[in-house]
Every structure is written in C-alpha cells, then in structure tokens.
Amino acid sequence: MSSDDLPAWLPAWCADHLGSEPDGVLFQLHQVSMVFGVRLRGGREVVVKARADGGRAASCVAAQAWLAERGFPCARPLTPVTGVGSLAVHAEEFRPGGEVLHGDSPDVAARCAEVFARLMAELAEVTVAPPLPNPPWVRWDHTDAGVWPDVDLPGDRDSAVPAYVVDAAVRARRRLLAAGLPRVLGHGDFEAQNLRWHGQQVWAVHDWDSLAWHPEAALVGAASGAFASDGPPTLAPIESSEVFLVAYQDVRGRSFSPAEQEIAWAASLWMAAYNLWEGLGGVPSRDAFRVQATERLRRANA
C-alpha cells in the first residue's frame, strides 16, 4: 500500500506529533476506529488511530498508557489524544506478532480468564474520568427509548431479529439495571480477535478504545460469553462461561456474591443479544443463543 492512500490530514499530523511523515503503509483497518500502521521516514513503525469521539478517547488512552508503563502486554501510546476535525487521534507503538488463541473450550476459557483478571486488577489502580457512553455492545445502561441503544446502523434490525432474542435482551437488561453495584473500569470487548499469544503467554491485548464503566461482575460476564469471538461474534458454551467466571474469581482471590453471579450471566446474554441485533440476526451465535438463552436467564434470575 502507498502512503498516497492515507487520509490527507495524516502526513502533517505525523510530522507535527511524531517528528516525521509516513514513508510507507503497513496496514489499514476501518472498523469502529480507523487504524493506520505506517512506517515513518527513517524507518520507525507506528500505529495511528482515529475515531469519532464522544469524550471517551482521552480516558481510554490514558488508561492504556498507565498499563503499558506497568508492563502490561499492550501497545504503549506515543502521543496524547488530539483533535483533527471531528476525529480523536493518537499514535502508539507497533506491537506485531503473536497468534490468535482459537476455540471456546473450558481450557481456553480459563486461560483467557486469567488474563482478564490480571487486566482488571491493573485497571483497578487507574484513575481516569469514566469513558462514557459505554461501547454500544455493552451499553445496556443507555437512556434511549426501547431495548437497544440509539446507534447509527443501516437496515431494519428490529424486524430481522427473532422475538425470543428481544425478550431475552429485555429481561437481561432489566436485571442489569437493577444491579445496584459500584462501577469500575474494564475492557468491554475482550475477544479472541483482540488478543495475541506466544505459546502459553499473552503477548498483546488490543482495542483499548473499548474500555467500559460497569460493575465488575457485568464486565466479567460479558467477557465470559464473548471471549472466543474471532471475526463474527460468537457465544461460548455455558460450561466454558462458567469456567471463565470461576477462574477469574480464583485469580482475583475473591468470590462473587449471588447477586454478582446473576449480573455476570445477564451481561453475557445481553451482549450476545446486541450482537445478533447489530448483525441483523445472522451471526453464528444465533443457534447458540436460542439453545442457551433460557439457562442463562435462569442463572441471571431474570
């Protein structure tokens, strides 16, 4: 790819904030954020991220920087967040390599839960403004009309999603909103696609734009259902979610209360329901959702 393919604002931004313009393009990704891997003149390789911002970005990058300084396996931010028109932009080190850990077995669940527990323990020491609003897929705390947050997505999702998905989302959300638990900072998109491993060791955790502000049990619960997603969202088997929750508590050295257990199961189901709604009901987790919804609702006391 050529640097001519980059947005017009990016070369000057790199010169101003990194001391050099791009001389080559390593990769480009356009999902929730725009992500550009570039090689600067002189050979330095960096990643520049740009996204529409509702005030979340500064807190997310500050937390990421704190973790990197503590030695947590994540890319170290190289700049603070700056505004480019309506975009929030920052640069971070390029941290390539590592492999995706595939599968949704109990063993994979336990390994991922250990990383999530370490991540949450580190974030408990971070002091930043809450990164609100929460990412849409964990935004059950929205104040918009209806079940789902008001996000700009094409298509008639409400008619495409089965009624049982909507019913489960309503019940899970009702339980989550009644939680009455303190909120903490946590990763709201802890999925296989956002982690890289070297053998048994995690090499990098990515997607710090997805930090969220929710009760700990809700964040753990969402991760327990989504940890195996690599591409289209999936819903892990119930036994693997259970192993994830147990392993997390073991590493953290404390047991969830009965209410926290319920919140964890409710969060796992709401996130899966949102993913079905966002994907017009066609993502691979649809069959898993239909099979598991009743049991997850029972465990959520919803």
C-alpha atoms as a PDB file:
ATOM      1  CA  MET A   1       0.000   0.000   0.000  1.00  0.00           C
ATOM      2  CA  SER A   2       1.162   3.516  -0.738  1.00  0.00           C
ATOM      3  CA  SER A   3       1.219   6.495   1.590  1.00  0.00           C
ATOM      4  CA  ASP A   4      -0.835   8.215  -1.117  1.00  0.00           C
ATOM      5  CA  ASP A   5      -3.773   6.109   0.114  1.00  0.00           C
ATOM      6  CA  LEU A   6      -3.704   7.739   3.561  1.00  0.00           C
ATOM      7  CA  PRO A   7      -6.155  10.474   4.589  1.00  0.00           C
ATOM      8  CA  ALA A   8      -4.981  13.966   3.647  1.00  0.00           C
ATOM      9  CA  TRP A   9      -4.624  15.047   7.281  1.00  0.00           C
ATOM     10  CA  LEU A  10      -2.419  12.150   8.402  1.00  0.00           C
ATOM     11  CA  PRO A  11       1.039  13.034   6.978  1.00  0.00           C
ATOM     12  CA  ALA A  12       1.003  16.504   8.544  1.00  0.00           C
ATOM     13  CA  TRP A  13      -0.309  15.058  11.829  1.00  0.00           C
ATOM     14  CA  CYS A  14       2.569  12.568  11.927  1.00  0.00           C
ATOM     15  CA  ALA A  15       5.077  15.330  11.191  1.00  0.00           C
ATOM     16  CA  ASP A  16       3.664  17.511  13.978  1.00  0.00           C
ATOM     17  CA  HIS A  17       3.290  14.817  16.648  1.00  0.00           C
ATOM     18  CA  LEU A  18       5.860  12.169  15.703  1.00  0.00           C
ATOM     19  CA  GLY A  19       8.513  14.259  14.021  1.00  0.00           C
ATOM     20  CA  SER A  20       8.306  12.663  10.580  1.00  0.00           C
ATOM     21  CA  GLU A  21       5.857  11.969   7.765  1.00  0.00           C
ATOM     22  CA  PRO A  22       4.876   8.441   6.677  1.00  0.00           C
ATOM     23  CA  ASP A  23       7.104   6.800   4.083  1.00  0.00           C
ATOM     24  CA  GLY A  24       5.062   3.622   3.725  1.00  0.00           C
ATOM     25  CA  VAL A  25       1.863   1.919   4.840  1.00  0.00           C
ATOM     26  CA  LEU A  26       1.968  -1.343   6.794  1.00  0.00           C
ATOM     27  CA  PHE A  27      -1.806  -1.825   7.006  1.00  0.00           C
ATOM     28  CA  GLN A  28      -5.144  -0.047   7.230  1.00  0.00           C
ATOM     29  CA  LEU A  29      -8.223  -1.148   9.171  1.00  0.00           C
ATOM     30  CA  HIS A  30     -11.594   0.572   9.156  1.00  0.00           C
ATOM     31  CA  GLN A  31     -13.980  -0.762  11.791  1.00  0.00           C
ATOM     32  CA  VAL A  32     -15.203   1.229  14.785  1.00  0.00           C
ATOM     33  CA  SER A  33     -11.937   3.169  14.524  1.00  0.00           C
ATOM     34  CA  MET A  34      -9.651   3.897  11.590  1.00  0.00           C
ATOM     35  CA  VAL A  35      -6.273   2.294  12.268  1.00  0.00           C
ATOM     36  CA  PHE A  36      -3.185   3.004  10.169  1.00  0.00           C
ATOM     37  CA  GLY A  37       0.088   1.154  10.515  1.00  0.00           C
ATOM     38  CA  VAL A  38       2.739   3.385   8.965  1.00  0.00           C
ATOM     39  CA  ARG A  39       6.492   3.455   8.526  1.00  0.00           C
ATOM     40  CA  LEU A  40       7.874   6.919   9.120  1.00  0.00           C
ATOM     41  CA  ARG A  41      10.808   8.365   7.245  1.00  0.00           C
ATOM     42  CA  GLY A  42      13.816   6.971   8.997  1.00  0.00           C
ATOM     43  CA  GLY A  43      12.220   3.546   9.431  1.00  0.00           C
ATOM     44  CA  ARG A  44      10.235   3.916  12.656  1.00  0.00           C
ATOM     45  CA  GLU A  45       6.975   1.915  12.585  1.00  0.00           C
ATOM     46  CA  VAL A  46       3.939   3.228  14.469  1.00  0.00           C
ATOM     47  CA  VAL A  47       0.175   2.874  14.572  1.00  0.00           C
ATOM     48  CA  VAL A  48      -2.143   5.879  14.280  1.00  0.00           C
ATOM     49  CA  LYS A  49      -5.749   5.529  15.436  1.00  0.00           C
ATOM     50  CA  ALA A  50      -8.587   7.902  14.598  1.00  0.00           C
ATOM     51  CA  ARG A  51     -12.227   7.672  15.641  1.00  0.00           C
ATOM     52  CA  ALA A  52     -15.290   9.788  16.200  1.00  0.00           C
ATOM     53  CA  ASP A  53     -15.215  10.725  19.837  1.00  0.00           C
ATOM     54  CA  GLY A  54     -17.867  11.499  22.384  1.00  0.00           C
ATOM     55  CA  GLY A  55     -15.314  12.267  25.087  1.00  0.00           C
ATOM     56  CA  ARG A  56     -14.149   8.682  25.701  1.00  0.00           C
ATOM     57  CA  ALA A  57     -10.802   8.615  23.906  1.00  0.00           C
ATOM     58  CA  ALA A  58      -8.666  10.594  26.353  1.00  0.00           C
ATOM     59  CA  SER A  59      -9.595   8.304  29.263  1.00  0.00           C
ATOM     60  CA  CYS A  60      -9.044   5.145  27.204  1.00  0.00           C
ATOM     61  CA  VAL A  61      -5.592   6.230  26.024  1.00  0.00           C
ATOM     62  CA  ALA A  62      -4.572   7.428  29.490  1.00  0.00           C
ATOM     63  CA  ALA A  63      -5.506   4.044  30.963  1.00  0.00           C
ATOM     64  CA  GLN A  64      -3.661   2.218  28.179  1.00  0.00           C
ATOM     65  CA  ALA A  65      -0.555   4.329  28.802  1.00  0.00           C
ATOM     66  CA  TRP A  66      -0.682   3.557  32.529  1.00  0.00           C
ATOM     67  CA  LEU A  67      -0.937  -0.170  31.853  1.00  0.00           C
ATOM     68  CA  ALA A  68       1.930  -0.120  29.358  1.00  0.00           C
ATOM     69  CA  GLU A  69       4.152   1.684  31.844  1.00  0.00           C
ATOM     70  CA  ARG A  70       3.377  -1.023  34.402  1.00  0.00           C
ATOM     71  CA  GLY A  71       4.489  -3.720  31.958  1.00  0.00           C
ATOM     72  CA  PHE A  72       1.057  -4.991  30.950  1.00  0.00           C
ATOM     73  CA  PRO A  73       1.203  -6.520  27.445  1.00  0.00           C
ATOM     74  CA  CYS A  74      -0.281  -3.754  25.339  1.00  0.00           C
ATOM     75  CA  ALA A  75       0.974  -1.157  22.874  1.00  0.00           C
ATOM     76  CA  ARG A  76       2.414   1.967  24.522  1.00  0.00           C
ATOM     77  CA  PRO A  77       0.782   5.234  23.427  1.00  0.00           C
ATOM     78  CA  LEU A  78       3.259   7.650  21.865  1.00  0.00           C
ATOM     79  CA  THR A  79       1.059  10.754  21.898  1.00  0.00           C
ATOM     80  CA  PRO A  80      -1.917  12.053  23.820  1.00  0.00           C
ATOM     81  CA  VAL A  81      -5.282  12.284  22.078  1.00  0.00           C
ATOM     82  CA  THR A  82      -5.586  15.285  19.773  1.00  0.00           C
ATOM     83  CA  GLY A  83      -8.490  16.567  17.700  1.00  0.00           C
ATOM     84  CA  VAL A  84      -8.491  16.516  13.906  1.00  0.00           C
ATOM     85  CA  GLY A  85     -11.831  17.956  12.889  1.00  0.00           C
ATOM     86  CA  SER A  86     -14.411  15.643  14.481  1.00  0.00           C
ATOM     87  CA  LEU A  87     -11.847  12.864  14.996  1.00  0.00           C
ATOM     88  CA  ALA A  88      -9.872  11.950  18.115  1.00  0.00           C
ATOM     89  CA  VAL A  89      -6.385  10.843  17.049  1.00  0.00           C
ATOM     90  CA  HIS A  90      -3.397   9.326  18.819  1.00  0.00           C
ATOM     91  CA  ALA A  91      -0.348   7.222  17.948  1.00  0.00           C
ATOM     92  CA  GLU A  92       1.018   4.154  19.682  1.00  0.00           C
ATOM     93  CA  GLU A  93       3.885   1.756  19.214  1.00  0.00           C
ATOM     94  CA  PHE A  94       3.530  -1.011  16.645  1.00  0.00           C
ATOM     95  CA  ARG A  95       3.346  -4.315  18.507  1.00  0.00           C
ATOM     96  CA  PRO A  96       3.176  -7.008  15.815  1.00  0.00           C
ATOM     97  CA  GLY A  97       3.374 -10.760  16.200  1.00  0.00           C
ATOM     98  CA  GLY A  98       1.647 -13.355  18.267  1.00  0.00           C
ATOM     99  CA  GLU A  99      -1.155 -15.733  17.386  1.00  0.00           C
ATOM    100  CA  VAL A 100      -4.890 -15.748  17.994  1.00  0.00           C
ATOM    101  CA  LEU A 101      -5.943 -18.361  20.551  1.00  0.00           C
ATOM    102  CA  HIS A 102      -8.803 -20.179  18.857  1.00  0.00           C
ATOM    103  CA  GLY A 103     -11.560 -22.203  20.466  1.00  0.00           C
ATOM    104  CA  ASP A 104     -14.201 -21.944  23.172  1.00  0.00           C
ATOM    105  CA  SER A 105     -13.245 -24.948  25.313  1.00  0.00           C
ATOM    106  CA  PRO A 106     -13.084 -24.734  29.112  1.00  0.00           C
ATOM    107  CA  ASP A 107      -9.277 -24.768  28.889  1.00  0.00           C
ATOM    108  CA  VAL A 108      -9.244 -21.759  26.564  1.00  0.00           C
ATOM    109  CA  ALA A 109     -11.810 -20.071  28.807  1.00  0.00           C
ATOM    110  CA  ALA A 110      -9.573 -20.491  31.858  1.00  0.00           C
ATOM    111  CA  ARG A 111      -6.518 -19.098  30.068  1.00  0.00           C
ATOM    112  CA  CYS A 112      -8.443 -16.058  28.866  1.00  0.00           C
ATOM    113  CA  ALA A 113      -9.999 -15.506  32.282  1.00  0.00           C
ATOM    114  CA  GLU A 114      -6.561 -15.384  33.895  1.00  0.00           C
ATOM    115  CA  VAL A 115      -5.542 -12.584  31.531  1.00  0.00           C
ATOM    116  CA  PHE A 116      -8.802 -10.743  32.128  1.00  0.00           C
ATOM    117  CA  ALA A 117      -8.339 -10.994  35.889  1.00  0.00           C
ATOM    118  CA  ARG A 118      -4.840  -9.555  35.613  1.00  0.00           C
ATOM    119  CA  LEU A 119      -6.142  -6.780  33.375  1.00  0.00           C
ATOM    120  CA  MET A 120      -8.946  -5.879  35.776  1.00  0.00           C
ATOM    121  CA  ALA A 121      -6.597  -5.906  38.768  1.00  0.00           C
ATOM    122  CA  GLU A 122      -4.307  -3.429  36.996  1.00  0.00           C
ATOM    123  CA  LEU A 123      -7.176  -1.200  35.902  1.00  0.00           C
ATOM    124  CA  ALA A 124      -8.414  -1.029  39.496  1.00  0.00           C
ATOM    125  CA  GLU A 125      -5.398   1.199  40.183  1.00  0.00           C
ATOM    126  CA  VAL A 126      -6.117   3.605  37.295  1.00  0.00           C
ATOM    127  CA  THR A 127      -7.823   6.931  37.941  1.00  0.00           C
ATOM    128  CA  VAL A 128      -9.416   8.439  34.840  1.00  0.00           C
ATOM    129  CA  ALA A 129     -12.753  10.009  34.017  1.00  0.00           C
ATOM    130  CA  PRO A 130     -15.283   7.255  33.240  1.00  0.00           C
ATOM    131  CA  PRO A 131     -15.181   6.536  29.478  1.00  0.00           C
ATOM    132  CA  LEU A 132     -18.844   7.194  28.810  1.00  0.00           C
ATOM    133  CA  PRO A 133     -21.007   6.498  26.955  1.00  0.00           C
ATOM    134  CA  ASN A 134     -20.113   2.824  27.059  1.00  0.00           C
ATOM    135  CA  PRO A 135     -19.450   0.982  23.778  1.00  0.00           C
ATOM    136  CA  PRO A 136     -22.771   0.108  22.122  1.00  0.00           C
ATOM    137  CA  TRP A 137     -22.474  -3.668  22.618  1.00  0.00           C
ATOM    138  CA  VAL A 138     -22.294  -3.199  26.416  1.00  0.00           C
ATOM    139  CA  ARG A 139     -24.486  -0.083  26.565  1.00  0.00           C
ATOM    140  CA  TRP A 140     -27.401  -1.657  28.386  1.00  0.00           C
ATOM    141  CA  ASP A 141     -27.324   1.444  30.619  1.00  0.00           C
ATOM    142  CA  HIS A 142     -28.491   3.718  27.781  1.00  0.00           C
ATOM    143  CA  THR A 143     -31.437   6.072  28.261  1.00  0.00           C
ATOM    144  CA  ASP A 144     -32.759   5.787  24.705  1.00  0.00           C
ATOM    145  CA  ALA A 145     -36.263   4.535  24.002  1.00  0.00           C
ATOM    146  CA  GLY A 146     -36.566   0.780  23.633  1.00  0.00           C
ATOM    147  CA  VAL A 147     -34.216  -2.097  24.300  1.00  0.00           C
ATOM    148  CA  TRP A 148     -31.282  -1.109  22.133  1.00  0.00           C
ATOM    149  CA  PRO A 149     -29.038   1.967  22.240  1.00  0.00           C
ATOM    150  CA  ASP A 150     -29.628   4.542  19.536  1.00  0.00           C
ATOM    151  CA  VAL A 151     -26.719   3.884  17.175  1.00  0.00           C
ATOM    152  CA  ASP A 152     -26.411   4.802  13.510  1.00  0.00           C
ATOM    153  CA  LEU A 153     -26.696   1.462  11.735  1.00  0.00           C
ATOM    154  CA  PRO A 154     -28.344   0.688   8.379  1.00  0.00           C
ATOM    155  CA  GLY A 155     -31.220  -1.713   7.887  1.00  0.00           C
ATOM    156  CA  ASP A 156     -34.387  -2.686   9.739  1.00  0.00           C
ATOM    157  CA  ARG A 157     -32.892  -4.598  12.628  1.00  0.00           C
ATOM    158  CA  ASP A 158     -35.997  -4.779  14.764  1.00  0.00           C
ATOM    159  CA  SER A 159     -37.923  -6.830  12.217  1.00  0.00           C
ATOM    160  CA  ALA A 160     -34.922  -9.053  11.414  1.00  0.00           C
ATOM    161  CA  VAL A 161     -34.206 -10.165  14.982  1.00  0.00           C
ATOM    162  CA  PRO A 162     -36.320 -13.022  16.397  1.00  0.00           C
ATOM    163  CA  ALA A 163     -38.751 -12.170  19.184  1.00  0.00           C
ATOM    164  CA  TYR A 164     -37.023 -14.555  21.599  1.00  0.00           C
ATOM    165  CA  VAL A 165     -33.811 -12.517  21.257  1.00  0.00           C
ATOM    166  CA  VAL A 166     -35.628  -9.281  22.066  1.00  0.00           C
ATOM    167  CA  ASP A 167     -37.415 -10.881  25.019  1.00  0.00           C
ATOM    168  CA  ALA A 168     -34.136 -12.213  26.427  1.00  0.00           C
ATOM    169  CA  ALA A 169     -32.492  -8.814  25.971  1.00  0.00           C
ATOM    170  CA  VAL A 170     -35.337  -7.069  27.813  1.00  0.00           C
ATOM    171  CA  ARG A 171     -35.126  -9.482  30.738  1.00  0.00           C
ATOM    172  CA  ALA A 172     -31.327  -9.417  30.931  1.00  0.00           C
ATOM    173  CA  ARG A 173     -31.252  -5.621  30.731  1.00  0.00           C
ATOM    174  CA  ARG A 174     -33.851  -5.305  33.477  1.00  0.00           C
ATOM    175  CA  ARG A 175     -31.652  -7.422  35.753  1.00  0.00           C
ATOM    176  CA  LEU A 176     -28.538  -5.425  34.871  1.00  0.00           C
ATOM    177  CA  LEU A 177     -30.210  -2.085  35.549  1.00  0.00           C
ATOM    178  CA  ALA A 178     -31.333  -3.329  38.952  1.00  0.00           C
ATOM    179  CA  ALA A 179     -27.805  -4.350  39.937  1.00  0.00           C
ATOM    180  CA  GLY A 180     -27.024  -1.512  42.347  1.00  0.00           C
ATOM    181  CA  LEU A 181     -23.313  -2.415  42.252  1.00  0.00           C
ATOM    182  CA  PRO A 182     -20.373   0.022  42.087  1.00  0.00           C
ATOM    183  CA  ARG A 183     -18.903   0.654  38.662  1.00  0.00           C
ATOM    184  CA  VAL A 184     -15.290   0.068  37.712  1.00  0.00           C
ATOM    185  CA  LEU A 185     -13.099   0.470  34.659  1.00  0.00           C
ATOM    186  CA  GLY A 186     -12.775  -2.605  32.475  1.00  0.00           C
ATOM    187  CA  HIS A 187     -12.270  -3.926  28.951  1.00  0.00           C
ATOM    188  CA  GLY A 188     -15.614  -4.102  27.159  1.00  0.00           C
ATOM    189  CA  ASP A 189     -14.552  -6.101  24.101  1.00  0.00           C
ATOM    190  CA  PHE A 190     -12.409  -8.928  25.470  1.00  0.00           C
ATOM    191  CA  GLU A 191     -12.488 -11.249  22.476  1.00  0.00           C
ATOM    192  CA  ALA A 192     -10.018 -13.637  20.858  1.00  0.00           C
ATOM    193  CA  GLN A 193      -9.567 -11.255  17.929  1.00  0.00           C
ATOM    194  CA  ASN A 194      -8.227  -8.598  20.302  1.00  0.00           C
ATOM    195  CA  LEU A 195      -5.569 -10.810  21.934  1.00  0.00           C
ATOM    196  CA  ARG A 196      -2.313 -12.243  20.626  1.00  0.00           C
ATOM    197  CA  TRP A 197      -0.358 -15.078  22.259  1.00  0.00           C
ATOM    198  CA  HIS A 198       3.149 -16.505  22.206  1.00  0.00           C
ATOM    199  CA  GLY A 199       2.544 -20.075  23.288  1.00  0.00           C
ATOM    200  CA  GLN A 200       1.056 -20.021  26.790  1.00  0.00           C
ATOM    201  CA  GLN A 201       1.843 -16.346  27.323  1.00  0.00           C
ATOM    202  CA  VAL A 202      -0.329 -13.477  26.202  1.00  0.00           C
ATOM    203  CA  TRP A 203       1.707 -11.124  24.008  1.00  0.00           C
ATOM    204  CA  ALA A 204      -0.707  -8.253  23.398  1.00  0.00           C
ATOM    205  CA  VAL A 205      -4.179  -7.095  24.355  1.00  0.00           C
ATOM    206  CA  HIS A 206      -5.623  -4.664  21.819  1.00  0.00           C
ATOM    207  CA  ASP A 207      -8.709  -2.453  21.379  1.00  0.00           C
ATOM    208  CA  TRP A 208      -8.381  -0.125  24.342  1.00  0.00           C
ATOM    209  CA  ASP A 209     -10.962   2.144  22.712  1.00  0.00           C
ATOM    210  CA  SER A 210     -13.476  -0.344  24.122  1.00  0.00           C
ATOM    211  CA  LEU A 211     -12.913   0.358  27.807  1.00  0.00           C
ATOM    212  CA  ALA A 212     -16.203   0.496  29.693  1.00  0.00           C
ATOM    213  CA  TRP A 213     -17.601   1.651  33.026  1.00  0.00           C
ATOM    214  CA  HIS A 214     -19.767  -1.045  34.595  1.00  0.00           C
ATOM    215  CA  PRO A 215     -19.941  -3.287  37.674  1.00  0.00           C
ATOM    216  CA  GLU A 216     -17.016  -5.707  37.732  1.00  0.00           C
ATOM    217  CA  ALA A 217     -19.287  -8.738  37.551  1.00  0.00           C
ATOM    218  CA  ALA A 218     -21.010  -7.361  34.443  1.00  0.00           C
ATOM    219  CA  LEU A 219     -17.704  -6.810  32.644  1.00  0.00           C
ATOM    220  CA  VAL A 220     -16.518 -10.309  33.583  1.00  0.00           C
ATOM    221  CA  GLY A 221     -19.821 -11.775  32.487  1.00  0.00           C
ATOM    222  CA  ALA A 222     -19.697 -10.090  29.093  1.00  0.00           C
ATOM    223  CA  ALA A 223     -16.166 -11.414  28.586  1.00  0.00           C
ATOM    224  CA  SER A 224     -17.218 -14.917  29.665  1.00  0.00           C
ATOM    225  CA  GLY A 225     -19.676 -15.101  26.781  1.00  0.00           C
ATOM    226  CA  ALA A 226     -17.607 -13.359  24.110  1.00  0.00           C
ATOM    227  CA  PHE A 227     -14.014 -14.457  24.780  1.00  0.00           C
ATOM    228  CA  ALA A 228     -13.881 -16.886  21.836  1.00  0.00           C
ATOM    229  CA  SER A 229     -15.073 -14.416  19.167  1.00  0.00           C
ATOM    230  CA  ASP A 230     -12.649 -14.103  16.271  1.00  0.00           C
ATOM    231  CA  GLY A 231     -14.470 -12.292  13.494  1.00  0.00           C
ATOM    232  CA  PRO A 232     -18.269 -12.624  13.645  1.00  0.00           C
ATOM    233  CA  PRO A 233     -19.422 -12.617  17.295  1.00  0.00           C
ATOM    234  CA  THR A 234     -19.999 -15.949  18.961  1.00  0.00           C
ATOM    235  CA  LEU A 235     -21.470 -17.085  22.261  1.00  0.00           C
ATOM    236  CA  ALA A 236     -19.339 -19.534  24.249  1.00  0.00           C
ATOM    237  CA  PRO A 237     -20.865 -22.737  25.647  1.00  0.00           C
ATOM    238  CA  ILE A 238     -22.380 -22.332  29.093  1.00  0.00           C
ATOM    239  CA  GLU A 239     -19.823 -24.664  30.679  1.00  0.00           C
ATOM    240  CA  SER A 240     -16.980 -22.556  29.263  1.00  0.00           C
ATOM    241  CA  SER A 241     -18.559 -19.338  30.526  1.00  0.00           C
ATOM    242  CA  GLU A 242     -18.860 -20.973  33.932  1.00  0.00           C
ATOM    243  CA  VAL A 243     -15.177 -21.959  33.888  1.00  0.00           C
ATOM    244  CA  PHE A 244     -14.277 -18.397  32.873  1.00  0.00           C
ATOM    245  CA  LEU A 245     -16.187 -16.958  35.838  1.00  0.00           C
ATOM    246  CA  VAL A 246     -14.679 -19.419  38.311  1.00  0.00           C
ATOM    247  CA  ALA A 247     -11.132 -18.946  37.014  1.00  0.00           C
ATOM    248  CA  TYR A 248     -11.479 -15.171  37.162  1.00  0.00           C
ATOM    249  CA  GLN A 249     -12.588 -15.266  40.797  1.00  0.00           C
ATOM    250  CA  ASP A 250      -9.784 -17.667  41.688  1.00  0.00           C
ATOM    251  CA  VAL A 251      -7.131 -15.359  40.236  1.00  0.00           C
ATOM    252  CA  ARG A 252      -8.650 -12.273  41.837  1.00  0.00           C
ATOM    253  CA  GLY A 253      -8.865 -14.069  45.172  1.00  0.00           C
ATOM    254  CA  ARG A 254     -12.489 -13.324  45.918  1.00  0.00           C
ATOM    255  CA  SER A 255     -15.862 -14.911  45.246  1.00  0.00           C
ATOM    256  CA  PHE A 256     -18.747 -13.100  43.614  1.00  0.00           C
ATOM    257  CA  SER A 257     -21.864 -12.693  45.702  1.00  0.00           C
ATOM    258  CA  PRO A 258     -25.047 -14.397  44.471  1.00  0.00           C
ATOM    259  CA  ALA A 259     -26.186 -11.053  43.038  1.00  0.00           C
ATOM    260  CA  GLU A 260     -22.881 -10.608  41.197  1.00  0.00           C
ATOM    261  CA  GLN A 261     -23.191 -14.097  39.744  1.00  0.00           C
ATOM    262  CA  GLU A 262     -26.609 -13.157  38.392  1.00  0.00           C
ATOM    263  CA  ILE A 263     -25.300  -9.917  36.900  1.00  0.00           C
ATOM    264  CA  ALA A 264     -22.474 -11.784  35.180  1.00  0.00           C
ATOM    265  CA  TRP A 265     -24.886 -14.180  33.464  1.00  0.00           C
ATOM    266  CA  ALA A 266     -27.230 -11.351  32.493  1.00  0.00           C
ATOM    267  CA  ALA A 267     -24.363  -9.397  30.906  1.00  0.00           C
ATOM    268  CA  SER A 268     -23.214 -12.410  28.900  1.00  0.00           C
ATOM    269  CA  LEU A 269     -26.671 -12.733  27.374  1.00  0.00           C
ATOM    270  CA  TRP A 270     -27.335  -9.037  26.740  1.00  0.00           C
ATOM    271  CA  MET A 271     -24.089  -8.638  24.805  1.00  0.00           C
ATOM    272  CA  ALA A 272     -24.912 -11.689  22.679  1.00  0.00           C
ATOM    273  CA  ALA A 273     -28.400 -10.317  22.029  1.00  0.00           C
ATOM    274  CA  TYR A 274     -26.983  -6.951  20.981  1.00  0.00           C
ATOM    275  CA  ASN A 275     -24.586  -8.672  18.591  1.00  0.00           C
ATOM    276  CA  LEU A 276     -27.487 -10.541  16.999  1.00  0.00           C
ATOM    277  CA  TRP A 277     -29.451  -7.307  16.681  1.00  0.00           C
ATOM    278  CA  GLU A 278     -26.489  -5.400  15.234  1.00  0.00           C
ATOM    279  CA  GLY A 279     -25.800  -8.225  12.775  1.00  0.00           C
ATOM    280  CA  LEU A 280     -29.470  -8.427  11.725  1.00  0.00           C
ATOM    281  CA  GLY A 281     -29.828 -11.760  13.466  1.00  0.00           C
ATOM    282  CA  GLY A 282     -27.458 -13.617  11.172  1.00  0.00           C
ATOM    283  CA  VAL A 283     -24.210 -14.050  13.105  1.00  0.00           C
ATOM    284  CA  PRO A 284     -23.089 -17.588  14.077  1.00  0.00           C
ATOM    285  CA  SER A 285     -24.167 -17.168  17.695  1.00  0.00           C
ATOM    286  CA  ARG A 286     -27.877 -17.309  16.756  1.00  0.00           C
ATOM    287  CA  ASP A 287     -28.196 -21.065  17.255  1.00  0.00           C
ATOM    288  CA  ALA A 288     -26.137 -20.946  20.462  1.00  0.00           C
ATOM    289  CA  PHE A 289     -28.287 -18.112  21.732  1.00  0.00           C
ATOM    290  CA  ARG A 290     -31.521 -19.994  21.070  1.00  0.00           C
ATOM    291  CA  VAL A 291     -30.206 -23.075  22.894  1.00  0.00           C
ATOM    292  CA  GLN A 292     -28.659 -21.222  25.836  1.00  0.00           C
ATOM    293  CA  ALA A 293     -30.962 -18.265  26.484  1.00  0.00           C
ATOM    294  CA  THR A 294     -33.301 -19.995  28.927  1.00  0.00           C
ATOM    295  CA  GLU A 295     -30.488 -21.327  31.104  1.00  0.00           C
ATOM    296  CA  ARG A 296     -28.548 -18.071  31.083  1.00  0.00           C
ATOM    297  CA  LEU A 297     -31.713 -16.198  32.074  1.00  0.00           C
ATOM    298  CA  ARG A 298     -32.311 -18.678  34.880  1.00  0.00           C
ATOM    299  CA  ARG A 299     -28.807 -18.156  36.213  1.00  0.00           C
ATOM    300  CA  ALA A 300     -29.328 -14.400  35.933  1.00  0.00           C
ATOM    301  CA  ASN A 301     -32.571 -14.631  37.913  1.00  0.00           C
ATOM    302  CA  ALA A 302     -34.135 -12.720  35.067  1.00  0.00           C
END
